[in-house]
């Protein structure tokens, strides 16, 4: 890792990712209890709604013996009075030993790192990056198969989906072949696609989920965001074509795993939950040991 902050998955090389995932696995085997961060304080600044990311970071610091300071909502902090993000970070970094921030504006976490006197972890910045989600995604894949050289499909909103952006870059470090499926206008950003191809990653675009389901080892599904469409009819026409059902899975590889950063809406049929392919709730639980490893990395 190049800095004390974790703003982007690009802050890691492959060796750094593997090292952190190894540490998370050790924490997992030890049942995730430690006093390694006893007395440490983590500030959680979430300026967008969050369930899994926020609660798993709070669970992670508690399991390491530390405590959490948090702002209940944007309206409950001085930013509602016009305070700048830079000033908020300067103040909060005087109260805590590290800061986890989620913000709707891309680049906000990197700005926070510039003004913070303590480590900053990006918990999602607009359509930018979500490094902790990527690390737990990789951890979940690694529980089922070696990552090197596999086929991974990203399905859904790939233009604005920060989880897809972070994961695609990380997978490029492992020689993965990337398959994509998205509505028109919601494809991977061209700049990201160009960077991935320059790194040597093969990217294959598909028109329907039936076209890729038999080729991939990991199916990574994201929510198609209704707000990106001009009307409900347009949205439902698209969303129904990306819905994962037990019937579609009859053509899948036996070892296929299905991941989703959650929350889901209707892109995965609830009947799939009982399938041996489903790993998304396990993926969510993996947020705790992975984020414990991240906190130890920046706070010890």
Protein backbone atom coordinates (compact mmCIF):
# COMPACT_ATOMS: atom_id res chain seq x y z
CA UNK A 1 0.00 0.00 0.00
CA UNK A 2 1.42 3.37 -1.02
CA UNK A 3 -0.19 5.66 1.59
CA UNK A 4 -1.78 5.52 5.03
CA UNK A 5 -5.13 6.32 3.37
CA UNK A 6 -7.29 3.90 1.38
CA UNK A 7 -9.03 6.03 -1.23
CA UNK A 8 -8.93 3.80 -4.30
CA UNK A 9 -8.24 0.17 -5.02
CA UNK A 10 -5.34 1.64 -7.01
CA UNK A 11 -3.70 2.35 -3.65
CA UNK A 12 -2.85 -1.38 -3.68
CA UNK A 13 -0.77 -3.52 -5.95
CA UNK A 14 -1.56 -7.21 -6.28
CA UNK A 15 0.87 -8.15 -3.52
CA UNK A 16 -0.79 -5.65 -1.19
CA UNK A 17 -4.26 -6.99 -1.97
CA UNK A 18 -3.21 -10.59 -1.40
CA UNK A 19 -1.51 -9.65 1.87
CA UNK A 20 -4.59 -7.89 3.20
CA UNK A 21 -6.88 -10.76 2.16
CA UNK A 22 -4.56 -13.20 3.94
CA UNK A 23 -4.87 -11.08 7.08
CA UNK A 24 -8.66 -11.05 6.73
CA UNK A 25 -8.66 -14.85 6.42
CA UNK A 26 -6.62 -15.14 9.61
CA UNK A 27 -9.06 -12.85 11.42
CA UNK A 28 -11.92 -14.97 10.09
CA UNK A 29 -10.35 -18.18 11.39
CA UNK A 30 -9.84 -16.56 14.79
CA UNK A 31 -13.57 -15.77 14.95
CA UNK A 32 -12.99 -12.05 14.57
CA UNK A 33 -12.35 -10.91 18.15
CA UNK A 34 -9.28 -8.95 19.24
CA UNK A 35 -8.13 -6.03 21.37
CA UNK A 36 -5.69 -4.89 18.67
CA UNK A 37 -7.34 -1.47 18.45
CA UNK A 38 -8.32 -1.11 22.08
CA UNK A 39 -8.86 2.57 22.86
CA UNK A 40 -8.90 3.63 19.19
CA UNK A 41 -11.75 5.75 17.84
CA UNK A 42 -13.18 5.47 14.32
CA UNK A 43 -15.25 8.36 12.91
CA UNK A 44 -17.87 7.31 10.34
CA UNK A 45 -19.03 10.17 8.11
CA UNK A 46 -21.78 8.91 5.82
CA UNK A 47 -23.31 11.62 3.66
CA UNK A 48 -25.26 9.01 1.67
CA UNK A 49 -27.48 6.20 2.98
CA UNK A 50 -25.71 2.96 3.91
CA UNK A 51 -26.57 -0.25 5.72
CA UNK A 52 -23.90 -2.87 5.03
CA UNK A 53 -20.83 -0.65 4.69
CA UNK A 54 -21.56 1.49 7.71
CA UNK A 55 -22.64 -1.30 10.02
CA UNK A 56 -19.79 -3.62 9.02
CA UNK A 57 -17.20 -0.90 9.69
CA UNK A 58 -18.83 -0.23 13.07
CA UNK A 59 -18.89 -3.96 13.80
CA UNK A 60 -15.26 -4.26 12.69
CA UNK A 61 -13.94 -1.55 15.03
CA UNK A 62 -16.02 -2.91 17.92
CA UNK A 63 -14.63 -6.43 17.40
CA UNK A 64 -11.13 -4.94 17.52
CA UNK A 65 -11.78 -3.25 20.84
CA UNK A 66 -12.33 0.27 19.51
CA UNK A 67 -15.30 2.63 19.47
CA UNK A 68 -17.18 4.68 16.88
CA UNK A 69 -18.12 8.33 16.52
CA UNK A 70 -20.73 9.00 13.87
CA UNK A 71 -22.94 11.71 12.40
CA UNK A 72 -26.55 10.59 12.17
CA UNK A 73 -27.20 12.51 8.95
CA UNK A 74 -25.94 15.46 6.95
CA UNK A 75 -28.64 17.59 8.55
CA UNK A 76 -27.23 16.76 11.98
CA UNK A 77 -23.74 18.17 11.29
CA UNK A 78 -22.38 21.65 10.68
CA UNK A 79 -22.22 21.08 6.92
CA UNK A 80 -25.95 21.84 7.04
CA UNK A 81 -24.90 25.32 8.20
CA UNK A 82 -22.54 25.74 5.28
CA UNK A 83 -19.31 24.33 6.72
CA UNK A 84 -16.99 23.02 4.03
CA UNK A 85 -16.01 19.37 3.82
CA UNK A 86 -12.39 20.40 4.36
CA UNK A 87 -13.21 22.11 7.65
CA UNK A 88 -15.39 19.21 8.79
CA UNK A 89 -12.51 16.80 8.16
CA UNK A 90 -10.03 19.04 9.97
CA UNK A 91 -12.31 19.06 13.02
CA UNK A 92 -13.23 15.36 13.00
CA UNK A 93 -9.62 14.23 12.58
CA UNK A 94 -8.95 15.88 15.92
CA UNK A 95 -11.50 13.61 17.58
CA UNK A 96 -10.70 10.23 16.02
CA UNK A 97 -7.83 7.95 15.01
CA UNK A 98 -9.24 7.26 11.53
CA UNK A 99 -12.15 8.39 9.35
CA UNK A 100 -14.42 6.36 7.09
CA UNK A 101 -16.29 8.59 4.65
CA UNK A 102 -19.06 8.08 2.10
CA UNK A 103 -19.99 11.05 -0.04
CA UNK A 104 -22.13 11.59 -3.16
CA UNK A 105 -19.41 13.61 -4.92
CA UNK A 106 -16.66 11.78 -6.77
CA UNK A 107 -13.29 12.83 -5.41
CA UNK A 108 -14.62 13.80 -1.97
CA UNK A 109 -12.67 11.07 -0.18
CA UNK A 110 -9.39 12.15 -1.78
CA UNK A 111 -10.14 15.74 -0.78
CA UNK A 112 -10.81 14.55 2.77
CA UNK A 113 -7.43 12.79 2.84
CA UNK A 114 -5.70 16.04 1.92
CA UNK A 115 -7.08 17.81 4.99
CA UNK A 116 -7.09 14.94 7.50
CA UNK A 117 -4.36 14.38 10.08
CA UNK A 118 -5.49 10.73 10.47
CA UNK A 119 -6.02 7.90 7.93
CA UNK A 120 -9.08 8.17 5.68
CA UNK A 121 -10.90 5.19 4.15
CA UNK A 122 -13.18 5.78 1.19
CA UNK A 123 -16.54 4.04 1.71
CA UNK A 124 -17.84 5.20 -1.67
CA UNK A 125 -17.58 8.53 -3.49
CA UNK A 126 -20.25 9.14 -6.11
CA UNK A 127 -19.57 7.08 -9.23
CA UNK A 128 -15.89 6.85 -8.28
CA UNK A 129 -14.42 4.14 -6.09
CA UNK A 130 -15.45 1.73 -3.34
CA UNK A 131 -12.21 -0.06 -2.34
CA UNK A 132 -13.48 -1.87 0.76
CA UNK A 133 -16.31 -3.42 -1.27
CA UNK A 134 -13.82 -4.58 -3.88
CA UNK A 135 -11.60 -6.19 -1.27
CA UNK A 136 -14.49 -8.16 0.23
CA UNK A 137 -15.62 -9.12 -3.29
CA UNK A 138 -12.16 -10.53 -4.02
CA UNK A 139 -12.13 -12.26 -0.64
CA UNK A 140 -15.45 -13.94 -1.43
CA UNK A 141 -14.25 -15.10 -4.84
CA UNK A 142 -11.06 -16.45 -3.32
CA UNK A 143 -13.07 -18.56 -0.87
CA UNK A 144 -14.47 -20.50 -3.85
CA UNK A 145 -11.67 -20.49 -6.42
CA UNK A 146 -8.28 -19.00 -7.30
CA UNK A 147 -8.80 -15.58 -8.90
CA UNK A 148 -6.03 -15.90 -11.48
CA UNK A 149 -7.30 -16.30 -15.05
CA UNK A 150 -11.00 -16.79 -14.34
CA UNK A 151 -13.95 -15.35 -16.33
CA UNK A 152 -16.01 -12.71 -14.52
CA UNK A 153 -19.21 -11.07 -15.76
CA UNK A 154 -20.27 -7.59 -14.62
CA UNK A 155 -23.99 -7.12 -15.17
CA UNK A 156 -26.14 -4.01 -14.66
CA UNK A 157 -25.28 -0.32 -14.34
CA UNK A 158 -21.59 -0.25 -15.21
CA UNK A 159 -21.37 3.47 -15.95
CA UNK A 160 -22.27 4.82 -12.52
CA UNK A 161 -21.66 1.70 -10.42
CA UNK A 162 -18.58 2.45 -8.32
CA UNK A 163 -18.42 -1.16 -7.13
CA UNK A 164 -18.04 -2.32 -10.75
CA UNK A 165 -15.33 0.28 -11.45
CA UNK A 166 -13.20 -0.72 -8.46
CA UNK A 167 -13.65 -4.44 -9.04
CA UNK A 168 -12.81 -4.25 -12.75
CA UNK A 169 -9.48 -2.59 -12.00
CA UNK A 170 -8.61 -5.09 -9.27
CA UNK A 171 -9.45 -8.04 -11.50
CA UNK A 172 -7.09 -6.70 -14.16
CA UNK A 173 -4.23 -7.48 -11.76
CA UNK A 174 -5.15 -11.19 -11.87
CA UNK A 175 -5.31 -11.88 -15.61
CA UNK A 176 -9.11 -12.14 -15.51
CA UNK A 177 -11.21 -12.12 -18.69
CA UNK A 178 -14.04 -9.61 -18.21
CA UNK A 179 -17.54 -10.05 -19.64
CA UNK A 180 -19.95 -7.09 -19.55
CA UNK A 181 -23.71 -6.73 -19.92
CA UNK A 182 -25.44 -3.40 -19.44
CA UNK A 183 -28.24 -1.24 -20.84
CA UNK A 184 -27.40 1.19 -23.64
CA UNK A 185 -25.81 4.25 -22.12
CA UNK A 186 -24.78 2.45 -18.92
CA UNK A 187 -21.69 0.67 -20.25
CA UNK A 188 -18.31 0.86 -18.54
CA UNK A 189 -16.87 4.36 -18.99
CA UNK A 190 -14.70 4.42 -22.09
CA UNK A 191 -11.72 5.79 -20.18
CA UNK A 192 -11.87 2.86 -17.76
CA UNK A 193 -12.30 0.34 -20.58
CA UNK A 194 -9.28 1.83 -22.36
CA UNK A 195 -7.16 1.63 -19.20
CA UNK A 196 -8.18 -1.99 -18.62
CA UNK A 197 -7.40 -3.01 -22.19
CA UNK A 198 -4.06 -1.21 -22.00
CA UNK A 199 -3.25 -3.29 -18.92
CA UNK A 200 -3.85 -6.42 -21.01
CA UNK A 201 -7.39 -7.28 -19.88
CA UNK A 202 -9.71 -8.84 -22.44
CA UNK A 203 -13.23 -7.33 -22.30
CA UNK A 204 -16.14 -9.05 -24.04
CA UNK A 205 -19.48 -7.23 -24.33
CA UNK A 206 -22.69 -9.27 -24.44
CA UNK A 207 -26.28 -8.46 -25.42
CA UNK A 208 -28.12 -10.93 -23.16
CA UNK A 209 -27.44 -12.86 -19.99
CA UNK A 210 -28.10 -16.15 -21.80
CA UNK A 211 -25.08 -15.40 -24.00
CA UNK A 212 -22.61 -15.33 -21.12
CA UNK A 213 -24.00 -17.55 -18.37
CA UNK A 214 -22.23 -20.69 -19.59
CA UNK A 215 -18.86 -18.97 -20.01
CA UNK A 216 -18.24 -17.33 -16.64
CA UNK A 217 -17.03 -18.44 -13.23
CA UNK A 218 -18.36 -15.39 -11.37
CA UNK A 219 -21.56 -13.50 -12.13
CA UNK A 220 -21.41 -10.07 -10.47
CA UNK A 221 -24.83 -8.42 -10.60
CA UNK A 222 -25.53 -4.77 -9.80
CA UNK A 223 -28.75 -2.82 -9.52
CA UNK A 224 -29.98 -1.12 -12.67
CA UNK A 225 -30.89 2.29 -11.30
CA UNK A 226 -34.46 3.30 -12.16
CA UNK A 227 -33.62 7.00 -11.90
CA UNK A 228 -31.42 6.75 -15.00
CA UNK A 229 -34.43 6.05 -17.25
CA UNK A 230 -36.95 8.54 -18.67
CA UNK A 231 -40.02 6.52 -17.65
CA UNK A 232 -41.03 3.37 -15.77
CA UNK A 233 -41.79 1.42 -18.93
CA UNK A 234 -38.25 1.93 -20.25
CA UNK A 235 -36.82 0.82 -16.93
CA UNK A 236 -38.90 -2.35 -16.65
CA UNK A 237 -38.09 -3.34 -20.25
CA UNK A 238 -34.41 -3.22 -19.41
CA UNK A 239 -34.49 -4.60 -15.87
CA UNK A 240 -36.47 -7.68 -16.86
CA UNK A 241 -33.84 -8.63 -19.44
CA UNK A 242 -31.13 -8.66 -16.75
CA UNK A 243 -33.03 -10.67 -14.16
CA UNK A 244 -31.21 -13.76 -12.85
CA UNK A 245 -33.59 -16.71 -12.39
CA UNK A 246 -33.16 -20.39 -11.58
CA UNK A 247 -34.13 -21.15 -15.16
CA UNK A 248 -31.23 -19.11 -16.54
CA UNK A 249 -28.83 -20.85 -14.19
CA UNK A 250 -29.50 -24.26 -15.74
CA UNK A 251 -26.89 -23.32 -18.34
CA UNK A 252 -24.27 -22.20 -15.81
CA UNK A 253 -21.01 -23.86 -14.84
CA UNK A 254 -21.38 -26.07 -11.78
CA UNK A 255 -18.95 -23.96 -9.75
CA UNK A 256 -20.41 -20.57 -10.78
CA UNK A 257 -20.86 -18.11 -7.91
CA UNK A 258 -23.26 -15.15 -7.97
CA UNK A 259 -22.26 -11.95 -6.22
CA UNK A 260 -24.16 -8.70 -5.64
CA UNK A 261 -23.01 -5.68 -3.57
CA UNK A 262 -26.61 -5.22 -2.39
CA UNK A 263 -29.19 -3.85 -1.97
CA UNK A 264 -30.95 -5.74 -4.72
CA UNK A 265 -34.32 -4.77 -6.12
CA UNK A 266 -35.55 -7.44 -8.54
CA UNK A 267 -32.43 -8.23 -10.57
CA UNK A 268 -32.00 -11.55 -8.75
CA UNK A 269 -35.07 -13.74 -8.30
CA UNK A 270 -35.47 -14.63 -4.57
CA UNK A 271 -35.69 -18.28 -5.63
CA UNK A 272 -31.98 -18.06 -6.48
CA UNK A 273 -31.19 -17.50 -2.78
CA UNK A 274 -31.38 -21.23 -2.12
CA UNK A 275 -29.13 -22.07 -5.06
CA UNK A 276 -25.59 -23.34 -4.38
CA UNK A 277 -24.46 -20.55 -6.74
CA UNK A 278 -25.69 -17.74 -4.45
CA UNK A 279 -22.92 -16.09 -2.44
CA UNK A 280 -24.22 -12.52 -1.95
CA UNK A 281 -25.25 -12.83 1.70
CA UNK A 282 -21.96 -14.55 2.51
CA UNK A 283 -20.30 -11.72 0.57
CA UNK A 284 -22.02 -9.19 2.82
CA UNK A 285 -20.89 -11.01 5.98
CA UNK A 286 -17.32 -11.01 4.67
CA UNK A 287 -17.34 -7.24 5.02
CA UNK A 288 -16.55 -7.61 8.72
CA UNK A 289 -13.23 -9.54 8.61
CA UNK A 290 -12.06 -7.64 5.53
CA UNK A 291 -12.79 -4.27 7.09
CA UNK A 292 -11.19 -5.43 10.35
CA UNK A 293 -8.04 -6.11 8.34
CA UNK A 294 -8.29 -2.70 6.70
CA UNK A 295 -8.66 -0.91 10.03
CA UNK A 296 -5.68 -2.73 11.48
CA UNK A 297 -3.69 -1.80 8.38
CA UNK A 298 -4.21 1.95 8.82
CA UNK A 299 -4.68 2.30 12.61
CA UNK A 300 -1.95 0.11 14.15
